[in-house]
Amino acid sequence: MGDRAAAQVLLTQVTAAHHLLALVWANGGYTGSLVEYCLAALALVLAIVKRSDDMRGFVVLPKRWIVERFFAHLMRSRRLVRDFERSIAGAEAMVYWSMTMLMTRRVARPCPSRA
């Protein structure tokens, strides 16, 4: 199954579970009929974040850095660097564990003094 067909199935399931979802960002690989399908069948806006042809070297793309930062946080958990889990439930639990560690560190961080 190709990425666009899998994205169509995934977005259908996600919109059924999360009714308030209105906007999804995707990279240039998901252009074409998937954009029209999302708008017509799911009432969902699929915004494509494209890289410009005149860019050279590394360029931070709008919204894409959010996904890259999320993956970087996951990779800080050594167990998630490789796919060691035997079940999807185990992998999902490891993602929750990793994000819980991140959020508890942020909550426990001392507030800067306001002088």
PDB file of N, CA and C in Angstrom:
ATOM      1  N   MET A   1       0.848  -1.171   0.000  1.00  0.00           N
ATOM      2  CA  MET A   1       0.000   0.000   0.000  1.00  0.00           C
ATOM      3  C   MET A   1       0.895   1.237   0.000  1.00  0.00           C
ATOM      4  N   GLY A   2       0.576   2.177  -0.825  1.00  0.00           N
ATOM      5  CA  GLY A   2       1.354   3.404  -0.908  1.00  0.00           C
ATOM      6  C   GLY A   2       1.041   4.368   0.220  1.00  0.00           C
ATOM      7  N   ASP A   3       1.885   5.379   0.350  1.00  0.00           N
ATOM      8  CA  ASP A   3       1.718   6.357   1.423  1.00  0.00           C
ATOM      9  C   ASP A   3       0.403   7.116   1.322  1.00  0.00           C
ATOM     10  N   ARG A   4       0.017   7.500   0.123  1.00  0.00           N
ATOM     11  CA  ARG A   4      -1.230   8.274  -0.030  1.00  0.00           C
ATOM     12  C   ARG A   4      -2.455   7.439   0.318  1.00  0.00           C
ATOM     13  N   ALA A   5      -2.465   6.181  -0.091  1.00  0.00           N
ATOM     14  CA  ALA A   5      -3.596   5.308   0.239  1.00  0.00           C
ATOM     15  C   ALA A   5      -3.639   5.039   1.741  1.00  0.00           C
ATOM     16  N   ALA A   6      -2.481   4.828   2.343  1.00  0.00           N
ATOM     17  CA  ALA A   6      -2.427   4.610   3.786  1.00  0.00           C
ATOM     18  C   ALA A   6      -2.837   5.868   4.539  1.00  0.00           C
ATOM     19  N   ALA A   7      -2.448   7.040   4.034  1.00  0.00           N
ATOM     20  CA  ALA A   7      -2.832   8.303   4.665  1.00  0.00           C
ATOM     21  C   ALA A   7      -4.344   8.490   4.599  1.00  0.00           C
ATOM     22  N   GLN A   8      -4.951   8.078   3.511  1.00  0.00           N
ATOM     23  CA  GLN A   8      -6.398   8.194   3.368  1.00  0.00           C
ATOM     24  C   GLN A   8      -7.105   7.354   4.433  1.00  0.00           C
ATOM     25  N   VAL A   9      -6.652   6.128   4.626  1.00  0.00           N
ATOM     26  CA  VAL A   9      -7.239   5.249   5.646  1.00  0.00           C
ATOM     27  C   VAL A   9      -6.993   5.821   7.038  1.00  0.00           C
ATOM     28  N   LEU A  10      -5.765   6.268   7.296  1.00  0.00           N
ATOM     29  CA  LEU A  10      -5.415   6.811   8.609  1.00  0.00           C
ATOM     30  C   LEU A  10      -6.212   8.075   8.929  1.00  0.00           C
ATOM     31  N   LEU A  11      -6.314   8.984   7.974  1.00  0.00           N
ATOM     32  CA  LEU A  11      -7.061  10.216   8.214  1.00  0.00           C
ATOM     33  C   LEU A  11      -8.542   9.955   8.424  1.00  0.00           C
ATOM     34  N   THR A  12      -9.091   8.953   7.768  1.00  0.00           N
ATOM     35  CA  THR A  12     -10.489   8.570   7.991  1.00  0.00           C
ATOM     36  C   THR A  12     -10.687   8.100   9.426  1.00  0.00           C
ATOM     37  N   GLN A  13      -9.774   7.277   9.915  1.00  0.00           N
ATOM     38  CA  GLN A  13      -9.869   6.781  11.290  1.00  0.00           C
ATOM     39  C   GLN A  13      -9.661   7.898  12.308  1.00  0.00           C
ATOM     40  N   VAL A  14      -8.718   8.790  12.034  1.00  0.00           N
ATOM     41  CA  VAL A  14      -8.426   9.873  12.971  1.00  0.00           C
ATOM     42  C   VAL A  14      -9.601  10.848  13.064  1.00  0.00           C
ATOM     43  N   THR A  15     -10.192  11.201  11.931  1.00  0.00           N
ATOM     44  CA  THR A  15     -11.322  12.130  11.974  1.00  0.00           C
ATOM     45  C   THR A  15     -12.550  11.499  12.623  1.00  0.00           C
ATOM     46  N   ALA A  16     -12.680  10.184  12.531  1.00  0.00           N
ATOM     47  CA  ALA A  16     -13.798   9.514  13.216  1.00  0.00           C
ATOM     48  C   ALA A  16     -13.608   9.568  14.732  1.00  0.00           C
ATOM     49  N   ALA A  17     -12.363   9.507  15.180  1.00  0.00           N
ATOM     50  CA  ALA A  17     -12.079   9.520  16.620  1.00  0.00           C
ATOM     51  C   ALA A  17     -11.987  10.934  17.189  1.00  0.00           C
ATOM     52  N   HIS A  18     -11.548  11.881  16.377  1.00  0.00           N
ATOM     53  CA  HIS A  18     -11.340  13.257  16.845  1.00  0.00           C
ATOM     54  C   HIS A  18     -12.145  14.208  15.958  1.00  0.00           C
ATOM     55  N   HIS A  19     -13.349  14.501  16.376  1.00  0.00           N
ATOM     56  CA  HIS A  19     -14.288  15.272  15.559  1.00  0.00           C
ATOM     57  C   HIS A  19     -13.910  16.738  15.406  1.00  0.00           C
ATOM     58  N   LEU A  20     -13.091  17.263  16.319  1.00  0.00           N
ATOM     59  CA  LEU A  20     -12.719  18.675  16.256  1.00  0.00           C
ATOM     60  C   LEU A  20     -11.520  18.939  15.348  1.00  0.00           C
ATOM     61  N   LEU A  21     -10.908  17.900  14.832  1.00  0.00           N
ATOM     62  CA  LEU A  21      -9.748  18.054  13.951  1.00  0.00           C
ATOM     63  C   LEU A  21     -10.180  18.735  12.658  1.00  0.00           C
ATOM     64  N   ALA A  22      -9.490  19.829  12.315  1.00  0.00           N
ATOM     65  CA  ALA A  22      -9.885  20.581  11.130  1.00  0.00           C
ATOM     66  C   ALA A  22      -8.733  20.800  10.155  1.00  0.00           C
ATOM     67  N   LEU A  23      -7.487  20.709  10.627  1.00  0.00           N
ATOM     68  CA  LEU A  23      -6.332  21.019   9.793  1.00  0.00           C
ATOM     69  C   LEU A  23      -5.232  20.002  10.029  1.00  0.00           C
ATOM     70  N   VAL A  24      -4.649  19.497   8.949  1.00  0.00           N
ATOM     71  CA  VAL A  24      -3.531  18.562   9.016  1.00  0.00           C
ATOM     72  C   VAL A  24      -2.450  19.080   8.085  1.00  0.00           C
ATOM     73  N   TRP A  25      -1.210  19.111   8.568  1.00  0.00           N
ATOM     74  CA  TRP A  25      -0.083  19.499   7.729  1.00  0.00           C
ATOM     75  C   TRP A  25       0.593  18.248   7.202  1.00  0.00           C
ATOM     76  N   ALA A  26       1.014  18.287   5.943  1.00  0.00           N
ATOM     77  CA  ALA A  26       1.701  17.150   5.329  1.00  0.00           C
ATOM     78  C   ALA A  26       2.786  17.677   4.408  1.00  0.00           C
ATOM     79  N   ASN A  27       3.736  16.809   4.070  1.00  0.00           N
ATOM     80  CA  ASN A  27       4.791  17.245   3.154  1.00  0.00           C
ATOM     81  C   ASN A  27       4.336  17.077   1.706  1.00  0.00           C
ATOM     82  N   GLY A  28       5.193  17.467   0.790  1.00  0.00           N
ATOM     83  CA  GLY A  28       4.840  17.497  -0.626  1.00  0.00           C
ATOM     84  C   GLY A  28       4.502  16.146  -1.228  1.00  0.00           C
ATOM     85  N   GLY A  29       4.817  15.057  -0.568  1.00  0.00           N
ATOM     86  CA  GLY A  29       4.508  13.730  -1.085  1.00  0.00           C
ATOM     87  C   GLY A  29       3.037  13.377  -1.044  1.00  0.00           C
ATOM     88  N   TYR A  30       2.241  14.183  -0.343  1.00  0.00           N
ATOM     89  CA  TYR A  30       0.829  13.877  -0.182  1.00  0.00           C
ATOM     90  C   TYR A  30      -0.070  14.796  -0.996  1.00  0.00           C
ATOM     91  N   THR A  31       0.473  15.409  -2.029  1.00  0.00           N
ATOM     92  CA  THR A  31      -0.343  16.254  -2.898  1.00  0.00           C
ATOM     93  C   THR A  31      -1.226  15.387  -3.794  1.00  0.00           C
ATOM     94  N   GLY A  32      -2.099  16.017  -4.529  1.00  0.00           N
ATOM     95  CA  GLY A  32      -2.935  15.282  -5.478  1.00  0.00           C
ATOM     96  C   GLY A  32      -4.317  15.039  -4.951  1.00  0.00           C
ATOM     97  N   SER A  33      -4.832  13.850  -5.230  1.00  0.00           N
ATOM     98  CA  SER A  33      -6.226  13.538  -4.918  1.00  0.00           C
ATOM     99  C   SER A  33      -6.490  13.451  -3.418  1.00  0.00           C
ATOM    100  N   LEU A  34      -5.461  13.249  -2.611  1.00  0.00           N
ATOM    101  CA  LEU A  34      -5.658  13.155  -1.166  1.00  0.00           C
ATOM    102  C   LEU A  34      -6.168  14.480  -0.598  1.00  0.00           C
ATOM    103  N   VAL A  35      -5.695  15.591  -1.130  1.00  0.00           N
ATOM    104  CA  VAL A  35      -6.143  16.912  -0.665  1.00  0.00           C
ATOM    105  C   VAL A  35      -7.635  17.079  -0.937  1.00  0.00           C
ATOM    106  N   GLU A  36      -8.068  16.730  -2.148  1.00  0.00           N
ATOM    107  CA  GLU A  36      -9.487  16.843  -2.491  1.00  0.00           C
ATOM    108  C   GLU A  36     -10.338  15.864  -1.678  1.00  0.00           C
ATOM    109  N   TYR A  37      -9.829  14.648  -1.458  1.00  0.00           N
ATOM    110  CA  TYR A  37     -10.557  13.651  -0.674  1.00  0.00           C
ATOM    111  C   TYR A  37     -10.781  14.149   0.752  1.00  0.00           C
ATOM    112  N   CYS A  38      -9.748  14.710   1.352  1.00  0.00           N
ATOM    113  CA  CYS A  38      -9.870  15.204   2.725  1.00  0.00           C
ATOM    114  C   CYS A  38     -10.910  16.304   2.826  1.00  0.00           C
ATOM    115  N   LEU A  39     -10.904  17.193   1.870  1.00  0.00           N
ATOM    116  CA  LEU A  39     -11.845  18.310   1.914  1.00  0.00           C
ATOM    117  C   LEU A  39     -13.277  17.841   1.653  1.00  0.00           C
ATOM    118  N   ALA A  40     -13.466  16.986   0.654  1.00  0.00           N
ATOM    119  CA  ALA A  40     -14.817  16.558   0.272  1.00  0.00           C
ATOM    120  C   ALA A  40     -15.404  15.526   1.231  1.00  0.00           C
ATOM    121  N   ALA A  41     -14.661  14.490   1.546  1.00  0.00           N
ATOM    122  CA  ALA A  41     -15.216  13.381   2.318  1.00  0.00           C
ATOM    123  C   ALA A  41     -15.085  13.561   3.827  1.00  0.00           C
ATOM    124  N   LEU A  42     -14.020  14.228   4.264  1.00  0.00           N
ATOM    125  CA  LEU A  42     -13.756  14.311   5.695  1.00  0.00           C
ATOM    126  C   LEU A  42     -13.946  15.700   6.282  1.00  0.00           C
ATOM    127  N   ALA A  43     -14.205  16.692   5.442  1.00  0.00           N
ATOM    128  CA  ALA A  43     -14.304  18.096   5.882  1.00  0.00           C
ATOM    129  C   ALA A  43     -13.051  18.496   6.648  1.00  0.00           C
ATOM    130  N   LEU A  44     -11.926  18.138   6.093  1.00  0.00           N
ATOM    131  CA  LEU A  44     -10.621  18.333   6.716  1.00  0.00           C
ATOM    132  C   LEU A  44      -9.711  19.046   5.731  1.00  0.00           C
ATOM    133  N   VAL A  45      -9.018  20.076   6.181  1.00  0.00           N
ATOM    134  CA  VAL A  45      -8.092  20.801   5.321  1.00  0.00           C
ATOM    135  C   VAL A  45      -6.721  20.153   5.445  1.00  0.00           C
ATOM    136  N   LEU A  46      -6.185  19.693   4.331  1.00  0.00           N
ATOM    137  CA  LEU A  46      -4.848  19.104   4.288  1.00  0.00           C
ATOM    138  C   LEU A  46      -3.920  20.141   3.679  1.00  0.00           C
ATOM    139  N   ALA A  47      -3.131  20.793   4.527  1.00  0.00           N
ATOM    140  CA  ALA A  47      -2.212  21.841   4.075  1.00  0.00           C
ATOM    141  C   ALA A  47      -0.859  21.219   3.767  1.00  0.00           C
ATOM    142  N   ILE A  48      -0.386  21.430   2.560  1.00  0.00           N
ATOM    143  CA  ILE A  48       0.893  20.876   2.120  1.00  0.00           C
ATOM    144  C   ILE A  48       1.997  21.898   2.388  1.00  0.00           C
ATOM    145  N   VAL A  49       3.024  21.473   3.128  1.00  0.00           N
ATOM    146  CA  VAL A  49       4.192  22.312   3.396  1.00  0.00           C
ATOM    147  C   VAL A  49       5.263  21.900   2.401  1.00  0.00           C
ATOM    148  N   LYS A  50       5.483  22.741   1.401  1.00  0.00           N
ATOM    149  CA  LYS A  50       6.425  22.395   0.335  1.00  0.00           C
ATOM    150  C   LYS A  50       7.751  23.103   0.510  1.00  0.00           C
ATOM    151  N   ARG A  51       8.773  22.482   0.031  1.00  0.00           N
ATOM    152  CA  ARG A  51      10.096  23.090  -0.018  1.00  0.00           C
ATOM    153  C   ARG A  51      10.206  23.820  -1.347  1.00  0.00           C
ATOM    154  N   SER A  52      10.681  25.035  -1.310  1.00  0.00           N
ATOM    155  CA  SER A  52      10.815  25.834  -2.518  1.00  0.00           C
ATOM    156  C   SER A  52      11.982  25.317  -3.363  1.00  0.00           C
ATOM    157  N   ASP A  53      11.859  25.426  -4.675  1.00  0.00           N
ATOM    158  CA  ASP A  53      12.903  24.939  -5.570  1.00  0.00           C
ATOM    159  C   ASP A  53      14.176  25.777  -5.505  1.00  0.00           C
ATOM    160  N   ASP A  54      14.067  27.035  -5.093  1.00  0.00           N
ATOM    161  CA  ASP A  54      15.249  27.890  -5.081  1.00  0.00           C
ATOM    162  C   ASP A  54      16.038  27.814  -3.779  1.00  0.00           C
ATOM    163  N   MET A  55      15.634  26.964  -2.835  1.00  0.00           N
ATOM    164  CA  MET A  55      16.367  26.806  -1.578  1.00  0.00           C
ATOM    165  C   MET A  55      17.555  25.879  -1.783  1.00  0.00           C
ATOM    166  N   ARG A  56      18.683  26.228  -1.168  1.00  0.00           N
ATOM    167  CA  ARG A  56      19.872  25.379  -1.237  1.00  0.00           C
ATOM    168  C   ARG A  56      20.327  25.072   0.179  1.00  0.00           C
ATOM    169  N   GLY A  57      20.763  23.853   0.406  1.00  0.00           N
ATOM    170  CA  GLY A  57      21.227  23.467   1.730  1.00  0.00           C
ATOM    171  C   GLY A  57      20.076  23.257   2.699  1.00  0.00           C
ATOM    172  N   PHE A  58      20.410  23.295   3.987  1.00  0.00           N
ATOM    173  CA  PHE A  58      19.411  23.072   5.026  1.00  0.00           C
ATOM    174  C   PHE A  58      18.595  24.335   5.255  1.00  0.00           C
ATOM    175  N   VAL A  59      17.298  24.205   5.190  1.00  0.00           N
ATOM    176  CA  VAL A  59      16.382  25.311   5.442  1.00  0.00           C
ATOM    177  C   VAL A  59      15.265  24.786   6.329  1.00  0.00           C
ATOM    178  N   VAL A  60      14.982  25.510   7.409  1.00  0.00           N
ATOM    179  CA  VAL A  60      13.886  25.119   8.289  1.00  0.00           C
ATOM    180  C   VAL A  60      12.575  25.461   7.594  1.00  0.00           C
ATOM    181  N   LEU A  61      11.743  24.453   7.379  1.00  0.00           N
ATOM    182  CA  LEU A  61      10.451  24.656   6.734  1.00  0.00           C
ATOM    183  C   LEU A  61       9.385  24.943   7.779  1.00  0.00           C
ATOM    184  N   PRO A  62       8.430  25.783   7.449  1.00  0.00           N
ATOM    185  CA  PRO A  62       7.367  26.085   8.409  1.00  0.00           C
ATOM    186  C   PRO A  62       6.618  24.813   8.809  1.00  0.00           C
ATOM    187  N   LYS A  63       6.343  24.667  10.072  1.00  0.00           N
ATOM    188  CA  LYS A  63       5.585  23.570  10.676  1.00  0.00           C
ATOM    189  C   LYS A  63       6.319  22.233  10.657  1.00  0.00           C
ATOM    190  N   ARG A  64       7.248  22.003   9.754  1.00  0.00           N
ATOM    191  CA  ARG A  64       7.927  20.718   9.711  1.00  0.00           C
ATOM    192  C   ARG A  64       8.845  20.540  10.914  1.00  0.00           C
ATOM    193  N   TRP A  65       9.390  21.627  11.443  1.00  0.00           N
ATOM    194  CA  TRP A  65      10.272  21.522  12.593  1.00  0.00           C
ATOM    195  C   TRP A  65       9.549  20.964  13.808  1.00  0.00           C
ATOM    196  N   ILE A  66       8.232  21.132  13.896  1.00  0.00           N
ATOM    197  CA  ILE A  66       7.465  20.604  15.016  1.00  0.00           C
ATOM    198  C   ILE A  66       7.525  19.074  15.010  1.00  0.00           C
ATOM    199  N   VAL A  67       7.359  18.482  13.851  1.00  0.00           N
ATOM    200  CA  VAL A  67       7.417  17.024  13.722  1.00  0.00           C
ATOM    201  C   VAL A  67       8.831  16.523  13.990  1.00  0.00           C
ATOM    202  N   GLU A  68       9.827  17.223  13.443  1.00  0.00           N
ATOM    203  CA  GLU A  68      11.218  16.811  13.652  1.00  0.00           C
ATOM    204  C   GLU A  68      11.595  16.893  15.126  1.00  0.00           C
ATOM    205  N   ARG A  69      11.111  17.920  15.818  1.00  0.00           N
ATOM    206  CA  ARG A  69      11.390  18.051  17.256  1.00  0.00           C
ATOM    207  C   ARG A  69      10.745  16.904  18.022  1.00  0.00           C
ATOM    208  N   PHE A  70       9.520  16.513  17.641  1.00  0.00           N
ATOM    209  CA  PHE A  70       8.831  15.397  18.298  1.00  0.00           C
ATOM    210  C   PHE A  70       9.630  14.107  18.129  1.00  0.00           C
ATOM    211  N   PHE A  71      10.091  13.845  16.901  1.00  0.00           N
ATOM    212  CA  PHE A  71      10.896  12.636  16.678  1.00  0.00           C
ATOM    213  C   PHE A  71      12.196  12.685  17.455  1.00  0.00           C
ATOM    214  N   ALA A  72      12.806  13.856  17.583  1.00  0.00           N
ATOM    215  CA  ALA A  72      14.041  13.984  18.360  1.00  0.00           C
ATOM    216  C   ALA A  72      13.786  13.660  19.831  1.00  0.00           C
ATOM    217  N   HIS A  73      12.658  14.101  20.369  1.00  0.00           N
ATOM    218  CA  HIS A  73      12.330  13.767  21.754  1.00  0.00           C
ATOM    219  C   HIS A  73      12.140  12.262  21.917  1.00  0.00           C
ATOM    220  N   LEU A  74      11.509  11.624  20.947  1.00  0.00           N
ATOM    221  CA  LEU A  74      11.319  10.171  21.028  1.00  0.00           C
ATOM    222  C   LEU A  74      12.654   9.433  20.960  1.00  0.00           C
ATOM    223  N   MET A  75      13.558   9.902  20.121  1.00  0.00           N
ATOM    224  CA  MET A  75      14.833   9.218  19.956  1.00  0.00           C
ATOM    225  C   MET A  75      15.749   9.385  21.169  1.00  0.00           C
ATOM    226  N   ARG A  76      15.447  10.362  22.027  1.00  0.00           N
ATOM    227  CA  ARG A  76      16.220  10.491  23.266  1.00  0.00           C
ATOM    228  C   ARG A  76      15.958   9.322  24.201  1.00  0.00           C
ATOM    229  N   SER A  77      14.809   8.670  24.053  1.00  0.00           N
ATOM    230  CA  SER A  77      14.530   7.461  24.824  1.00  0.00           C
ATOM    231  C   SER A  77      15.203   6.310  24.095  1.00  0.00           C
ATOM    232  N   ARG A  78      16.203   5.722  24.715  1.00  0.00           N
ATOM    233  CA  ARG A  78      17.041   4.739  24.024  1.00  0.00           C
ATOM    234  C   ARG A  78      16.238   3.577  23.453  1.00  0.00           C
ATOM    235  N   ARG A  79      15.173   3.191  24.129  1.00  0.00           N
ATOM    236  CA  ARG A  79      14.398   2.038  23.678  1.00  0.00           C
ATOM    237  C   ARG A  79      13.652   2.331  22.382  1.00  0.00           C
ATOM    238  N   LEU A  80      13.377   3.598  22.108  1.00  0.00           N
ATOM    239  CA  LEU A  80      12.645   3.953  20.898  1.00  0.00           C
ATOM    240  C   LEU A  80      13.559   4.220  19.708  1.00  0.00           C
ATOM    241  N   VAL A  81      14.876   4.180  19.921  1.00  0.00           N
ATOM    242  CA  VAL A  81      15.806   4.405  18.811  1.00  0.00           C
ATOM    243  C   VAL A  81      15.674   3.289  17.777  1.00  0.00           C
ATOM    244  N   ARG A  82      15.505   2.093  18.248  1.00  0.00           N
ATOM    245  CA  ARG A  82      15.285   0.939  17.362  1.00  0.00           C
ATOM    246  C   ARG A  82      13.904   0.374  17.651  1.00  0.00           C
ATOM    247  N   ASP A  83      13.374  -0.369  16.738  1.00  0.00           N
ATOM    248  CA  ASP A  83      12.033  -0.929  16.892  1.00  0.00           C
ATOM    249  C   ASP A  83      12.131  -2.264  17.620  1.00  0.00           C
ATOM    250  N   PHE A  84      12.238  -2.211  18.962  1.00  0.00           N
ATOM    251  CA  PHE A  84      12.384  -3.418  19.762  1.00  0.00           C
ATOM    252  C   PHE A  84      11.055  -3.992  20.222  1.00  0.00           C
ATOM    253  N   GLU A  85       9.994  -3.243  20.120  1.00  0.00           N
ATOM    254  CA  GLU A  85       8.715  -3.687  20.668  1.00  0.00           C
ATOM    255  C   GLU A  85       8.106  -4.791  19.807  1.00  0.00           C
ATOM    256  N   ARG A  86       7.462  -5.742  20.474  1.00  0.00           N
ATOM    257  CA  ARG A  86       6.849  -6.856  19.761  1.00  0.00           C
ATOM    258  C   ARG A  86       5.406  -6.574  19.374  1.00  0.00           C
ATOM    259  N   SER A  87       4.803  -5.593  20.013  1.00  0.00           N
ATOM    260  CA  SER A  87       3.415  -5.275  19.693  1.00  0.00           C
ATOM    261  C   SER A  87       3.254  -3.766  19.535  1.00  0.00           C
ATOM    262  N   ILE A  88       2.193  -3.387  18.876  1.00  0.00           N
ATOM    263  CA  ILE A  88       1.908  -1.965  18.692  1.00  0.00           C
ATOM    264  C   ILE A  88       1.566  -1.331  20.038  1.00  0.00           C
ATOM    265  N   ALA A  89       0.885  -2.083  20.903  1.00  0.00           N
ATOM    266  CA  ALA A  89       0.534  -1.556  22.221  1.00  0.00           C
ATOM    267  C   ALA A  89       1.797  -1.255  23.032  1.00  0.00           C
ATOM    268  N   GLY A  90       2.804  -2.104  22.916  1.00  0.00           N
ATOM    269  CA  GLY A  90       4.067  -1.861  23.621  1.00  0.00           C
ATOM    270  C   GLY A  90       4.777  -0.625  23.101  1.00  0.00           C
ATOM    271  N   ALA A  91       4.787  -0.439  21.777  1.00  0.00           N
ATOM    272  CA  ALA A  91       5.412   0.739  21.184  1.00  0.00           C
ATOM    273  C   ALA A  91       4.649   2.000  21.583  1.00  0.00           C
ATOM    274  N   GLU A  92       3.317   1.913  21.603  1.00  0.00           N
ATOM    275  CA  GLU A  92       2.519   3.064  22.012  1.00  0.00           C
ATOM    276  C   GLU A  92       2.794   3.424  23.467  1.00  0.00           C
ATOM    277  N   ALA A  93       2.930   2.415  24.325  1.00  0.00           N
ATOM    278  CA  ALA A  93       3.235   2.661  25.733  1.00  0.00           C
ATOM    279  C   ALA A  93       4.590   3.347  25.884  1.00  0.00           C
ATOM    280  N   MET A  94       5.558   2.969  25.061  1.00  0.00           N
ATOM    281  CA  MET A  94       6.878   3.603  25.125  1.00  0.00           C
ATOM    282  C   MET A  94       6.825   5.060  24.680  1.00  0.00           C
ATOM    283  N   VAL A  95       5.984   5.370  23.705  1.00  0.00           N
ATOM    284  CA  VAL A  95       5.819   6.758  23.275  1.00  0.00           C
ATOM    285  C   VAL A  95       5.181   7.570  24.399  1.00  0.00           C
ATOM    286  N   TYR A  96       4.157   7.014  25.045  1.00  0.00           N
ATOM    287  CA  TYR A  96       3.536   7.707  26.176  1.00  0.00           C
ATOM    288  C   TYR A  96       4.552   7.932  27.294  1.00  0.00           C
ATOM    289  N   TRP A  97       5.362   6.919  27.565  1.00  0.00           N
ATOM    290  CA  TRP A  97       6.384   7.017  28.607  1.00  0.00           C
ATOM    291  C   TRP A  97       7.388   8.112  28.280  1.00  0.00           C
ATOM    292  N   SER A  98       7.835   8.161  27.052  1.00  0.00           N
ATOM    293  CA  SER A  98       8.799   9.164  26.630  1.00  0.00           C
ATOM    294  C   SER A  98       8.220  10.572  26.738  1.00  0.00           C
ATOM    295  N   MET A  99       6.982  10.752  26.289  1.00  0.00           N
ATOM    296  CA  MET A  99       6.360  12.075  26.356  1.00  0.00           C
ATOM    297  C   MET A  99       6.032  12.461  27.801  1.00  0.00           C
ATOM    298  N   THR A 100       5.722  11.481  28.656  1.00  0.00           N
ATOM    299  CA  THR A 100       5.494  11.766  30.075  1.00  0.00           C
ATOM    300  C   THR A 100       6.772  12.265  30.725  1.00  0.00           C
ATOM    301  N   MET A 101       7.896  11.651  30.397  1.00  0.00           N
ATOM    302  CA  MET A 101       9.184  12.123  30.922  1.00  0.00           C
ATOM    303  C   MET A 101       9.451  13.561  30.481  1.00  0.00           C
ATOM    304  N   LEU A 102       9.199  13.857  29.229  1.00  0.00           N
ATOM    305  CA  LEU A 102       9.418  15.205  28.707  1.00  0.00           C
ATOM    306  C   LEU A 102       8.539  16.223  29.433  1.00  0.00           C
ATOM    307  N   MET A 103       7.259  15.909  29.572  1.00  0.00           N
ATOM    308  CA  MET A 103       6.338  16.853  30.190  1.00  0.00           C
ATOM    309  C   MET A 103       6.626  17.046  31.685  1.00  0.00           C
ATOM    310  N   THR A 104       6.999  15.985  32.401  1.00  0.00           N
ATOM    311  CA  THR A 104       7.312  16.149  33.823  1.00  0.00           C
ATOM    312  C   THR A 104       8.576  16.980  34.013  1.00  0.00           C
ATOM    313  N   ARG A 105       9.535  16.863  33.110  1.00  0.00           N
ATOM    314  CA  ARG A 105      10.728  17.724  33.185  1.00  0.00           C
ATOM    315  C   ARG A 105      10.355  19.177  32.962  1.00  0.00           C
ATOM    316  N   ARG A 106       9.441  19.422  32.031  1.00  0.00           N
ATOM    317  CA  ARG A 106       9.020  20.804  31.768  1.00  0.00           C
ATOM    318  C   ARG A 106       8.241  21.380  32.949  1.00  0.00           C
ATOM    319  N   VAL A 107       7.394  20.573  33.582  1.00  0.00           N
ATOM    320  CA  VAL A 107       6.622  21.047  34.712  1.00  0.00           C
ATOM    321  C   VAL A 107       7.543  21.301  35.912  1.00  0.00           C
ATOM    322  N   ALA A 108       8.531  20.438  36.113  1.00  0.00           N
ATOM    323  CA  ALA A 108       9.426  20.553  37.260  1.00  0.00           C
ATOM    324  C   ALA A 108      10.493  21.627  37.079  1.00  0.00           C
ATOM    325  N   ARG A 109      10.636  22.156  35.890  1.00  0.00           N
ATOM    326  CA  ARG A 109      11.641  23.175  35.630  1.00  0.00           C
ATOM    327  C   ARG A 109      11.334  24.420  36.456  1.00  0.00           C
ATOM    328  N   PRO A 110      12.345  24.953  37.141  1.00  0.00           N
ATOM    329  CA  PRO A 110      12.088  26.159  37.938  1.00  0.00           C
ATOM    330  C   PRO A 110      11.722  27.345  37.071  1.00  0.00           C
ATOM    331  N   CYS A 111      10.806  28.130  37.542  1.00  0.00           N
ATOM    332  CA  CYS A 111      10.395  29.336  36.807  1.00  0.00           C
ATOM    333  C   CYS A 111      11.476  30.397  36.920  1.00  0.00           C
ATOM    334  N   PRO A 112      11.756  31.115  35.855  1.00  0.00           N
ATOM    335  CA  PRO A 112      12.745  32.192  35.965  1.00  0.00           C
ATOM    336  C   PRO A 112      12.214  33.299  36.868  1.00  0.00           C
ATOM    337  N   SER A 113      13.090  33.875  37.655  1.00  0.00           N
ATOM    338  CA  SER A 113      12.650  34.945  38.562  1.00  0.00           C
ATOM    339  C   SER A 113      12.326  36.202  37.783  1.00  0.00           C
ATOM    340  N   ARG A 114      11.263  36.821  38.166  1.00  0.00           N
ATOM    341  CA  ARG A 114      10.830  38.041  37.497  1.00  0.00           C
ATOM    342  C   ARG A 114      11.274  39.229  38.342  1.00  0.00           C
ATOM    343  N   ALA A 115      12.283  39.904  37.881  1.00  0.00           N
ATOM    344  CA  ALA A 115      12.804  41.033  38.654  1.00  0.00           C
ATOM    345  C   ALA A 115      12.482  42.352  37.984  1.00  0.00           C
TER     346      ALA A 115
END
